[in-house]
Protein backbone atom coordinates (compact mmCIF):
# COMPACT_ATOMS: atom_id res chain seq x y z
CA MET A 1 101.42 115.02 128.98
CA GLN A 2 103.93 114.03 126.39
CA ALA A 3 104.75 111.09 128.77
CA ASP A 4 101.01 110.00 128.92
CA LEU A 5 100.81 110.17 125.19
CA GLN A 6 103.90 108.23 124.47
CA SER A 7 102.74 105.67 126.93
CA ASP A 8 99.63 104.75 124.91
CA MET A 9 102.05 104.01 121.60
CA THR A 10 103.74 101.34 119.91
CA GLU A 11 107.56 101.41 119.57
CA THR A 12 106.69 101.94 115.82
CA GLU A 13 104.22 104.70 116.79
CA ARG A 14 107.20 106.30 118.73
CA ILE A 15 109.60 106.18 116.19
CA VAL A 16 107.62 107.54 113.36
CA ARG A 17 106.30 110.31 115.64
CA ALA A 18 109.38 111.63 115.97
CA MET A 19 110.02 111.53 112.40
CA TRP A 20 106.68 113.50 111.69
CA GLU A 21 107.29 115.95 114.26
CA LYS A 22 110.71 116.29 112.71
CA GLU A 23 109.64 116.47 109.14
CA LEU A 24 106.46 118.53 109.50
CA ASP A 25 107.96 120.79 111.88
CA VAL A 26 105.19 120.14 114.76
CA ALA A 27 105.90 120.06 118.44
CA GLU A 28 103.40 116.95 118.88
CA VAL A 29 101.55 114.56 117.00
CA GLN A 30 98.65 112.87 118.30
CA SER A 31 98.08 109.05 117.32
CA GLU A 32 95.02 109.95 114.92
CA GLY A 33 97.06 113.02 113.87
CA ASP A 34 96.84 113.10 110.10
CA PHE A 35 100.18 113.41 107.86
CA PHE A 36 98.64 115.73 105.29
CA GLN A 37 96.24 117.66 107.68
CA LEU A 38 99.51 118.38 109.79
CA GLY A 39 101.33 120.06 106.54
CA GLY A 40 102.75 116.90 104.85
CA ASP A 41 102.79 117.49 101.10
CA SER A 42 104.34 114.93 98.40
CA LEU A 43 108.16 116.36 98.98
CA VAL A 44 108.05 115.98 102.81
CA MET A 45 106.34 112.34 102.10
CA LEU A 46 108.91 111.19 100.11
CA ASN A 47 111.64 112.28 102.33
CA MET A 48 109.86 110.86 105.24
CA LEU A 49 109.39 107.42 103.55
CA PHE A 50 112.87 107.45 102.69
CA VAL A 51 113.96 107.68 106.22
CA VAL A 52 111.30 105.22 107.14
CA ASN A 53 112.49 102.68 104.68
CA ARG A 54 116.11 103.30 105.72
CA ARG A 55 115.69 103.31 109.32
CA LEU A 56 113.47 100.57 109.73
CA GLY A 57 114.71 98.37 106.79
CA VAL A 58 111.41 98.08 105.14
CA ASP A 59 109.95 98.85 101.85
CA ILE A 60 107.08 100.80 102.12
CA GLN A 61 105.53 102.66 99.05
CA PRO A 62 103.86 106.28 99.07
CA ALA A 63 100.42 104.45 98.44
CA ALA A 64 100.62 103.48 102.06
CA LEU A 65 100.45 106.93 103.54
CA PHE A 66 97.56 108.09 100.99
CA GLU A 67 95.61 105.08 102.36
CA ASP A 68 96.63 105.34 106.09
CA SER A 69 97.29 108.90 106.54
CA THR A 70 97.10 108.97 110.53
CA LEU A 71 99.83 108.01 112.77
CA ARG A 72 98.41 105.05 114.17
CA GLY A 73 96.98 103.82 110.96
CA PHE A 74 100.23 104.16 109.20
CA CYS A 75 102.13 102.74 111.79
CA ARG A 76 99.72 99.52 111.91
CA ARG A 77 100.49 99.38 108.24
CA LEU A 78 104.15 99.56 108.58
CA ASP A 79 104.35 96.92 111.26
CA ARG A 80 102.20 94.62 108.98
CA GLU A 81 104.61 95.34 106.35
CA VAL A 82 107.36 94.68 108.55
CA ALA A 83 105.94 91.36 109.90
CA SER A 84 105.09 90.31 105.91
CA GLN A 85 108.66 91.31 104.66
CA GLN A 86 110.35 89.09 107.90
CA ALA A 87 108.00 86.00 106.97
CA ALA A 88 109.18 86.17 103.42
CA GLY A 89 112.77 85.96 104.62
CA GLY A 90 113.92 89.10 104.46
CA THR A 91 115.55 90.98 107.17
CA VAL A 92 114.05 94.03 108.85
CA MET A 93 116.53 95.93 110.92
CA VAL A 94 115.54 98.75 113.07
CA GLU A 95 118.38 101.30 113.67
CA GLY A 96 118.71 103.03 116.84
CA SER A 97 117.74 106.45 117.56
CA ILE A 98 116.24 109.10 114.93
């Protein structure tokens, strides 16, 4: 089932999903899984955003997760932010595995 779940996800969703599963200590995060309902709090959020910012080379603020707290919503917002920062001349690099 996990392979089927991942086949419907974007690359960003797969990367962030792995982060959420690790940071939240949950076995499987669905696309519509909500970060806060899965046990995320402000400390976990800040740590996870630090990892996202470092690994994806993007500057995303905590408000983004409060406004789009599902995996799919957050990743769509993250993809838009990456595209925006690239268009503004910033360099966005995606590191390898998590």
